[in-house]
N, C-alpha and C. Protein backbone atom coordinates (compact mmCIF):
# COMPACT_ATOMS: atom_id res chain seq x y z
N MET A 1 -43.83 -64.17 62.73
CA MET A 1 -43.21 -62.94 62.30
C MET A 1 -42.14 -63.21 61.24
N LYS A 2 -41.30 -64.21 61.45
CA LYS A 2 -40.25 -64.54 60.50
C LYS A 2 -40.85 -65.05 59.19
N ARG A 3 -41.95 -65.79 59.33
CA ARG A 3 -42.59 -66.36 58.13
C ARG A 3 -43.15 -65.25 57.24
N THR A 4 -43.68 -64.18 57.82
CA THR A 4 -44.21 -63.05 57.05
C THR A 4 -43.10 -62.37 56.27
N GLY A 5 -41.94 -62.18 56.87
CA GLY A 5 -40.80 -61.57 56.20
C GLY A 5 -40.31 -62.41 55.04
N LEU A 6 -40.26 -63.73 55.25
CA LEU A 6 -39.83 -64.65 54.19
C LEU A 6 -40.83 -64.64 53.05
N THR A 7 -42.11 -64.64 53.36
CA THR A 7 -43.16 -64.59 52.33
C THR A 7 -43.06 -63.31 51.52
N LEU A 8 -42.83 -62.19 52.18
CA LEU A 8 -42.70 -60.90 51.50
C LEU A 8 -41.48 -60.91 50.58
N LEU A 9 -40.37 -61.46 51.05
CA LEU A 9 -39.15 -61.55 50.25
C LEU A 9 -39.37 -62.40 48.99
N ILE A 10 -40.04 -63.53 49.15
CA ILE A 10 -40.33 -64.40 48.01
C ILE A 10 -41.27 -63.70 47.03
N LEU A 11 -42.28 -63.01 47.55
CA LEU A 11 -43.23 -62.29 46.70
C LEU A 11 -42.51 -61.21 45.88
N LEU A 12 -41.62 -60.45 46.50
CA LEU A 12 -40.86 -59.42 45.79
C LEU A 12 -39.97 -60.02 44.70
N ALA A 13 -39.35 -61.14 45.00
CA ALA A 13 -38.49 -61.81 44.01
C ALA A 13 -39.32 -62.28 42.82
N VAL A 14 -40.48 -62.86 43.07
CA VAL A 14 -41.36 -63.34 42.00
C VAL A 14 -41.84 -62.17 41.14
N MET A 15 -42.20 -61.06 41.77
CA MET A 15 -42.65 -59.89 41.03
C MET A 15 -41.55 -59.36 40.12
N GLN A 16 -40.32 -59.35 40.60
CA GLN A 16 -39.20 -58.85 39.80
C GLN A 16 -38.99 -59.73 38.57
N PHE A 17 -39.00 -61.05 38.75
CA PHE A 17 -38.79 -61.95 37.63
C PHE A 17 -40.00 -62.06 36.73
N ALA A 18 -41.17 -61.70 37.21
CA ALA A 18 -42.38 -61.77 36.41
C ALA A 18 -42.53 -60.54 35.52
N GLY A 19 -41.62 -59.56 35.62
CA GLY A 19 -41.66 -58.41 34.73
C GLY A 19 -42.41 -57.23 35.28
N CYS A 20 -42.38 -57.01 36.56
CA CYS A 20 -43.06 -55.85 37.13
C CYS A 20 -42.19 -54.60 37.08
N GLY A 21 -41.07 -54.68 36.44
CA GLY A 21 -40.20 -53.52 36.29
C GLY A 21 -40.56 -52.78 35.01
N ARG A 22 -39.57 -52.23 34.32
CA ARG A 22 -39.76 -51.52 33.06
C ARG A 22 -40.36 -52.47 32.04
N SER A 23 -41.40 -52.05 31.38
CA SER A 23 -42.07 -52.96 30.45
C SER A 23 -41.66 -52.77 29.00
N ASP A 24 -40.92 -51.71 28.66
CA ASP A 24 -40.61 -51.49 27.25
C ASP A 24 -39.34 -52.19 26.79
N GLY A 25 -38.53 -52.70 27.72
CA GLY A 25 -37.36 -53.49 27.36
C GLY A 25 -36.16 -52.71 26.86
N PHE A 26 -36.14 -51.39 26.91
CA PHE A 26 -35.00 -50.60 26.45
C PHE A 26 -33.99 -50.42 27.58
N ASN A 27 -32.74 -50.74 27.30
CA ASN A 27 -31.68 -50.58 28.29
C ASN A 27 -31.20 -49.14 28.33
N VAL A 28 -30.76 -48.72 29.51
CA VAL A 28 -30.26 -47.36 29.69
C VAL A 28 -28.80 -47.40 30.16
N ALA A 29 -28.12 -46.28 29.99
CA ALA A 29 -26.75 -46.12 30.48
C ALA A 29 -26.65 -44.76 31.15
N LEU A 30 -25.78 -44.65 32.14
CA LEU A 30 -25.62 -43.40 32.87
C LEU A 30 -25.20 -42.27 31.95
N VAL A 31 -25.83 -41.10 32.14
CA VAL A 31 -25.52 -39.93 31.34
C VAL A 31 -25.43 -38.71 32.26
N ARG A 32 -24.28 -38.05 32.17
CA ARG A 32 -24.05 -36.81 32.92
C ARG A 32 -23.42 -35.81 31.97
N GLY A 33 -23.38 -34.57 32.39
CA GLY A 33 -22.72 -33.60 31.54
C GLY A 33 -22.80 -32.20 32.08
N ILE A 34 -22.44 -31.27 31.21
CA ILE A 34 -22.44 -29.86 31.57
C ILE A 34 -22.88 -29.04 30.36
N VAL A 35 -23.54 -27.92 30.63
CA VAL A 35 -23.94 -26.97 29.59
C VAL A 35 -23.24 -25.66 29.92
N HIS A 36 -22.55 -25.10 28.91
CA HIS A 36 -21.86 -23.83 29.13
C HIS A 36 -22.04 -22.90 27.94
N ILE A 37 -21.51 -21.69 28.07
CA ILE A 37 -21.63 -20.67 27.04
C ILE A 37 -20.52 -20.83 26.00
N GLU A 38 -20.89 -20.67 24.74
CA GLU A 38 -19.94 -20.77 23.64
C GLU A 38 -18.77 -19.79 23.84
N GLY A 39 -17.56 -20.33 23.74
CA GLY A 39 -16.37 -19.51 23.90
C GLY A 39 -16.03 -19.18 25.35
N GLU A 40 -16.90 -19.58 26.28
CA GLU A 40 -16.69 -19.31 27.70
C GLU A 40 -16.99 -20.56 28.51
N PRO A 41 -16.13 -21.59 28.42
CA PRO A 41 -16.41 -22.84 29.12
C PRO A 41 -16.51 -22.70 30.64
N GLU A 42 -15.98 -21.60 31.17
CA GLU A 42 -16.08 -21.39 32.62
C GLU A 42 -17.42 -20.76 33.01
N THR A 43 -18.26 -20.41 32.02
CA THR A 43 -19.57 -19.82 32.32
C THR A 43 -20.66 -20.87 32.12
N PRO A 44 -21.17 -21.44 33.23
CA PRO A 44 -22.20 -22.48 33.12
C PRO A 44 -23.56 -21.88 32.78
N VAL A 45 -24.43 -22.74 32.27
CA VAL A 45 -25.82 -22.34 32.00
C VAL A 45 -26.69 -23.07 33.03
N PRO A 46 -27.14 -22.34 34.06
CA PRO A 46 -27.90 -22.99 35.13
C PRO A 46 -29.39 -23.11 34.81
N PHE A 47 -29.99 -24.14 35.38
CA PHE A 47 -31.44 -24.32 35.43
C PHE A 47 -32.13 -24.36 34.06
N VAL A 48 -31.52 -25.08 33.11
CA VAL A 48 -32.18 -25.35 31.83
C VAL A 48 -32.43 -26.85 31.75
N GLU A 49 -33.46 -27.23 31.01
CA GLU A 49 -33.82 -28.63 30.85
C GLU A 49 -33.08 -29.22 29.66
N VAL A 50 -32.38 -30.34 29.88
CA VAL A 50 -31.67 -31.05 28.83
C VAL A 50 -32.48 -32.31 28.51
N ILE A 51 -32.86 -32.48 27.24
CA ILE A 51 -33.72 -33.60 26.85
C ILE A 51 -32.99 -34.46 25.83
N PHE A 52 -32.95 -35.77 26.09
CA PHE A 52 -32.39 -36.76 25.18
C PHE A 52 -33.56 -37.48 24.51
N HIS A 53 -33.83 -37.16 23.22
CA HIS A 53 -34.90 -37.81 22.45
C HIS A 53 -34.30 -38.96 21.66
N PRO A 54 -34.65 -40.22 21.95
CA PRO A 54 -34.07 -41.35 21.22
C PRO A 54 -34.46 -41.36 19.74
N ARG A 55 -33.53 -41.82 18.91
CA ARG A 55 -33.74 -42.03 17.48
C ARG A 55 -33.37 -43.47 17.19
N SER A 56 -33.93 -44.03 16.14
CA SER A 56 -33.64 -45.44 15.86
C SER A 56 -32.24 -45.65 15.30
N GLN A 57 -31.70 -44.68 14.58
CA GLN A 57 -30.37 -44.80 13.99
C GLN A 57 -29.76 -43.42 13.89
N GLU A 58 -28.48 -43.39 13.55
CA GLU A 58 -27.81 -42.10 13.37
C GLU A 58 -28.47 -41.28 12.27
N ASP A 59 -29.02 -41.96 11.24
CA ASP A 59 -29.65 -41.24 10.13
C ASP A 59 -31.08 -40.81 10.43
N GLY A 60 -31.60 -41.13 11.63
CA GLY A 60 -32.93 -40.68 12.03
C GLY A 60 -34.08 -41.48 11.48
N ALA A 61 -33.84 -42.69 11.00
CA ALA A 61 -34.92 -43.53 10.47
C ALA A 61 -35.98 -43.76 11.54
N ALA A 62 -37.21 -43.92 11.12
CA ALA A 62 -38.33 -44.09 12.04
C ALA A 62 -38.27 -45.44 12.76
N GLY A 63 -38.83 -45.48 13.95
CA GLY A 63 -38.91 -46.71 14.71
C GLY A 63 -39.17 -46.43 16.18
N ILE A 64 -39.63 -47.43 16.90
CA ILE A 64 -39.85 -47.29 18.34
C ILE A 64 -38.50 -47.50 19.02
N VAL A 65 -38.05 -46.49 19.72
CA VAL A 65 -36.68 -46.54 20.23
C VAL A 65 -36.56 -46.21 21.72
N GLY A 66 -37.66 -46.06 22.42
CA GLY A 66 -37.59 -45.82 23.86
C GLY A 66 -38.09 -44.45 24.27
N LYS A 67 -38.09 -44.27 25.56
CA LYS A 67 -38.59 -43.06 26.19
C LYS A 67 -37.50 -41.98 26.26
N ALA A 68 -37.90 -40.73 26.16
CA ALA A 68 -36.95 -39.62 26.27
C ALA A 68 -36.45 -39.49 27.71
N GLY A 69 -35.20 -39.13 27.85
CA GLY A 69 -34.60 -38.86 29.16
C GLY A 69 -34.48 -37.36 29.37
N ARG A 70 -34.56 -36.94 30.63
CA ARG A 70 -34.54 -35.50 30.94
C ARG A 70 -33.70 -35.23 32.18
N GLY A 71 -33.17 -34.02 32.22
CA GLY A 71 -32.45 -33.55 33.39
C GLY A 71 -32.44 -32.03 33.39
N VAL A 72 -32.24 -31.43 34.55
CA VAL A 72 -32.15 -29.98 34.67
C VAL A 72 -30.77 -29.64 35.22
N THR A 73 -30.12 -28.66 34.58
CA THR A 73 -28.79 -28.27 35.05
C THR A 73 -28.88 -27.61 36.43
N ASN A 74 -27.84 -27.82 37.23
CA ASN A 74 -27.77 -27.15 38.52
C ASN A 74 -27.09 -25.78 38.34
N GLU A 75 -26.77 -25.11 39.44
CA GLU A 75 -26.17 -23.78 39.35
C GLU A 75 -24.81 -23.79 38.66
N ASN A 76 -24.17 -24.96 38.57
CA ASN A 76 -22.87 -25.10 37.90
C ASN A 76 -23.00 -25.60 36.46
N GLY A 77 -24.23 -25.68 35.95
CA GLY A 77 -24.45 -26.14 34.59
C GLY A 77 -24.39 -27.65 34.42
N GLU A 78 -24.30 -28.39 35.53
CA GLU A 78 -24.18 -29.85 35.48
C GLU A 78 -25.55 -30.50 35.47
N PHE A 79 -25.67 -31.61 34.73
CA PHE A 79 -26.94 -32.34 34.68
C PHE A 79 -26.70 -33.84 34.75
N THR A 80 -27.75 -34.54 35.19
CA THR A 80 -27.81 -35.99 35.17
C THR A 80 -29.14 -36.35 34.52
N ILE A 81 -29.11 -37.28 33.57
CA ILE A 81 -30.34 -37.64 32.84
C ILE A 81 -31.08 -38.76 33.57
N SER A 82 -32.39 -38.62 33.61
CA SER A 82 -33.29 -39.63 34.19
C SER A 82 -34.32 -40.01 33.13
N THR A 83 -34.54 -41.32 32.97
CA THR A 83 -35.53 -41.80 32.01
C THR A 83 -36.64 -42.57 32.70
N TYR A 84 -36.31 -43.64 33.40
CA TYR A 84 -37.31 -44.46 34.09
C TYR A 84 -37.28 -44.24 35.59
N ALA A 85 -36.10 -43.88 36.12
CA ALA A 85 -35.92 -43.65 37.55
C ALA A 85 -34.91 -42.51 37.71
N PRO A 86 -34.91 -41.83 38.84
CA PRO A 86 -33.98 -40.72 39.03
C PRO A 86 -32.52 -41.13 38.82
N GLY A 87 -31.85 -40.43 37.90
CA GLY A 87 -30.43 -40.63 37.66
C GLY A 87 -30.05 -41.91 36.94
N ASP A 88 -31.02 -42.62 36.35
CA ASP A 88 -30.70 -43.90 35.71
C ASP A 88 -30.06 -43.75 34.34
N GLY A 89 -30.14 -42.59 33.72
CA GLY A 89 -29.50 -42.37 32.43
C GLY A 89 -30.47 -42.29 31.28
N ALA A 90 -29.95 -42.53 30.08
CA ALA A 90 -30.74 -42.45 28.84
C ALA A 90 -30.71 -43.80 28.13
N VAL A 91 -31.69 -44.02 27.27
CA VAL A 91 -31.75 -45.24 26.47
C VAL A 91 -30.49 -45.34 25.62
N ILE A 92 -29.91 -46.52 25.54
CA ILE A 92 -28.70 -46.73 24.74
C ILE A 92 -29.06 -46.57 23.26
N GLY A 93 -28.26 -45.77 22.54
CA GLY A 93 -28.48 -45.52 21.13
C GLY A 93 -28.34 -44.04 20.81
N TRP A 94 -28.81 -43.66 19.63
CA TRP A 94 -28.70 -42.28 19.15
C TRP A 94 -29.81 -41.40 19.71
N HIS A 95 -29.46 -40.12 19.97
CA HIS A 95 -30.41 -39.16 20.55
C HIS A 95 -30.27 -37.79 19.91
N GLU A 96 -31.41 -37.12 19.76
CA GLU A 96 -31.42 -35.70 19.42
C GLU A 96 -31.47 -34.95 20.74
N ILE A 97 -30.58 -33.98 20.89
CA ILE A 97 -30.50 -33.22 22.14
C ILE A 97 -31.21 -31.88 21.97
N ARG A 98 -32.08 -31.59 22.90
CA ARG A 98 -32.77 -30.30 22.95
C ARG A 98 -32.54 -29.69 24.32
N ILE A 99 -32.44 -28.39 24.36
CA ILE A 99 -32.29 -27.68 25.64
C ILE A 99 -33.38 -26.63 25.70
N ASN A 100 -34.19 -26.71 26.74
CA ASN A 100 -35.34 -25.82 26.92
C ASN A 100 -35.21 -25.02 28.20
N VAL A 101 -35.96 -23.95 28.24
CA VAL A 101 -36.11 -23.20 29.48
C VAL A 101 -36.86 -24.08 30.47
N SER A 102 -36.39 -24.14 31.70
CA SER A 102 -37.10 -24.91 32.73
C SER A 102 -37.88 -23.95 33.63
N ARG A 103 -38.65 -24.47 34.52
CA ARG A 103 -39.40 -23.62 35.46
C ARG A 103 -38.47 -22.80 36.35
N GLU A 104 -37.26 -23.32 36.56
CA GLU A 104 -36.32 -22.65 37.46
C GLU A 104 -35.36 -21.70 36.74
N THR A 105 -35.42 -21.62 35.40
CA THR A 105 -34.47 -20.79 34.66
C THR A 105 -34.60 -19.34 35.13
N GLN A 106 -33.46 -18.75 35.40
CA GLN A 106 -33.43 -17.38 35.90
C GLN A 106 -33.53 -16.38 34.75
N PRO A 107 -34.15 -15.23 34.97
CA PRO A 107 -34.23 -14.22 33.92
C PRO A 107 -32.85 -13.72 33.47
N ASP A 108 -31.85 -13.87 34.31
CA ASP A 108 -30.51 -13.41 33.95
C ASP A 108 -29.65 -14.55 33.40
N CYS A 109 -30.27 -15.58 32.85
CA CYS A 109 -29.56 -16.70 32.25
C CYS A 109 -28.60 -16.17 31.17
N PRO A 110 -27.34 -16.61 31.17
CA PRO A 110 -26.36 -16.07 30.22
C PRO A 110 -26.50 -16.59 28.79
N ALA A 111 -27.34 -17.61 28.57
CA ALA A 111 -27.45 -18.23 27.26
C ALA A 111 -28.59 -17.67 26.44
N ASP A 112 -28.42 -17.70 25.12
CA ASP A 112 -29.49 -17.36 24.19
C ASP A 112 -30.33 -18.61 24.00
N LEU A 113 -31.51 -18.63 24.61
CA LEU A 113 -32.40 -19.78 24.53
C LEU A 113 -33.58 -19.52 23.60
N SER A 114 -33.42 -18.53 22.71
CA SER A 114 -34.54 -18.16 21.84
C SER A 114 -34.72 -19.15 20.69
N ARG A 115 -33.67 -19.90 20.36
CA ARG A 115 -33.79 -20.88 19.28
C ARG A 115 -34.28 -22.20 19.86
N SER A 116 -35.29 -22.76 19.23
CA SER A 116 -35.73 -24.08 19.66
C SER A 116 -35.31 -25.08 18.61
N GLY A 117 -35.32 -26.32 18.94
CA GLY A 117 -34.95 -27.35 17.99
C GLY A 117 -33.81 -28.19 18.49
N ILE A 118 -33.24 -28.96 17.59
CA ILE A 118 -32.20 -29.91 17.95
C ILE A 118 -30.87 -29.19 18.09
N LEU A 119 -30.22 -29.37 19.21
CA LEU A 119 -28.91 -28.78 19.44
C LEU A 119 -27.85 -29.60 18.70
N GLU A 120 -27.88 -30.90 18.89
CA GLU A 120 -26.97 -31.82 18.21
C GLU A 120 -27.47 -33.24 18.38
N THR A 121 -26.77 -34.19 17.74
CA THR A 121 -27.10 -35.60 17.85
C THR A 121 -25.92 -36.32 18.47
N VAL A 122 -26.21 -37.17 19.49
CA VAL A 122 -25.15 -37.90 20.19
C VAL A 122 -25.55 -39.37 20.33
N GLU A 123 -24.54 -40.20 20.60
CA GLU A 123 -24.81 -41.61 20.85
C GLU A 123 -24.52 -41.94 22.31
N VAL A 124 -25.48 -42.58 22.96
CA VAL A 124 -25.32 -43.09 24.33
C VAL A 124 -24.91 -44.55 24.20
N VAL A 125 -23.80 -44.90 24.84
CA VAL A 125 -23.28 -46.27 24.79
C VAL A 125 -23.34 -46.90 26.17
N LYS A 126 -23.16 -48.23 26.24
CA LYS A 126 -23.13 -48.92 27.53
C LYS A 126 -22.04 -48.31 28.40
N GLY A 127 -22.30 -48.27 29.70
CA GLY A 127 -21.32 -47.70 30.63
C GLY A 127 -21.69 -46.27 30.99
N LYS A 128 -20.67 -45.46 31.28
CA LYS A 128 -20.89 -44.07 31.66
C LYS A 128 -20.67 -43.18 30.45
N ASN A 129 -21.55 -42.19 30.31
CA ASN A 129 -21.47 -41.24 29.21
C ASN A 129 -21.41 -39.83 29.78
N GLU A 130 -20.49 -39.01 29.26
CA GLU A 130 -20.39 -37.61 29.68
C GLU A 130 -20.39 -36.74 28.44
N PHE A 131 -21.23 -35.70 28.47
CA PHE A 131 -21.38 -34.81 27.34
C PHE A 131 -21.22 -33.37 27.78
N THR A 132 -20.71 -32.55 26.88
CA THR A 132 -20.64 -31.10 27.08
C THR A 132 -21.41 -30.46 25.95
N PHE A 133 -22.38 -29.62 26.29
CA PHE A 133 -23.18 -28.92 25.30
C PHE A 133 -22.90 -27.43 25.43
N THR A 134 -22.81 -26.77 24.29
CA THR A 134 -22.46 -25.36 24.24
C THR A 134 -23.61 -24.56 23.64
N LEU A 135 -23.98 -23.48 24.32
CA LEU A 135 -25.05 -22.61 23.84
C LEU A 135 -24.48 -21.23 23.53
N PRO A 136 -25.09 -20.52 22.57
CA PRO A 136 -24.62 -19.16 22.28
C PRO A 136 -24.91 -18.22 23.44
N LYS A 137 -24.09 -17.20 23.55
CA LYS A 137 -24.26 -16.20 24.61
C LYS A 137 -25.43 -15.28 24.27
N ARG A 138 -26.17 -14.89 25.29
CA ARG A 138 -27.28 -13.97 25.10
C ARG A 138 -26.74 -12.57 24.83
N ARG A 139 -27.34 -11.92 23.87
CA ARG A 139 -26.92 -10.55 23.55
C ARG A 139 -27.35 -9.59 24.65
N PRO A 140 -26.64 -8.48 24.83
CA PRO A 140 -27.06 -7.49 25.82
C PRO A 140 -28.49 -7.03 25.53
N ASN A 141 -29.25 -6.86 26.55
CA ASN A 141 -30.65 -6.40 26.48
C ASN A 141 -31.59 -7.40 25.82
N GLN A 142 -31.13 -8.63 25.54
CA GLN A 142 -32.01 -9.66 24.99
C GLN A 142 -32.82 -10.26 26.12
N ARG A 143 -34.14 -10.29 25.96
CA ARG A 143 -35.01 -10.84 27.01
C ARG A 143 -35.05 -12.35 26.93
N LEU A 144 -35.14 -12.98 28.09
CA LEU A 144 -35.28 -14.43 28.16
C LEU A 144 -36.75 -14.77 28.02
N ILE A 145 -37.08 -15.63 27.08
CA ILE A 145 -38.46 -16.08 26.87
C ILE A 145 -38.72 -17.24 27.82
N LEU A 146 -39.66 -17.07 28.73
CA LEU A 146 -39.92 -18.07 29.76
C LEU A 146 -41.06 -19.00 29.41
N GLU A 147 -41.30 -19.22 28.15
CA GLU A 147 -42.35 -20.16 27.74
C GLU A 147 -41.73 -21.53 27.52
N GLN A 148 -42.44 -22.56 27.94
CA GLN A 148 -42.02 -23.94 27.71
C GLN A 148 -42.32 -24.33 26.28
N ASN A 149 -41.43 -25.11 25.64
CA ASN A 149 -41.68 -25.62 24.29
C ASN A 149 -42.51 -26.87 24.37
């Protein structure tokens, strides 16, 4: 019985060093943040998808730069980005930020989510990263479009 446990432990160690983990070699750093309404930082934007699309440089030059990280805001507008594993963060480097309607977005969402595209560009650095993203307020009687981009 003890020998089986030792064999399993050795096998797991060999698999880890043999590269059975992430195969693309891009390092990640923790990323958390909040999404709120422009001019109303106390008004969170719940249940929207925050996407970190890696870029090779600040100027957007082409290149293979890693996998996109994603997270969905909670009822308080807070998000944590996951790329390879839950809550592991985003690839270190420059990112284009997009915010999309998620499956859980409520019809009474306070933000204007009708514009698609890049919200802004940010840099993820080693260590912990915290970002605040601001969205415009939805106009009265403006319908929320529940289509995924």
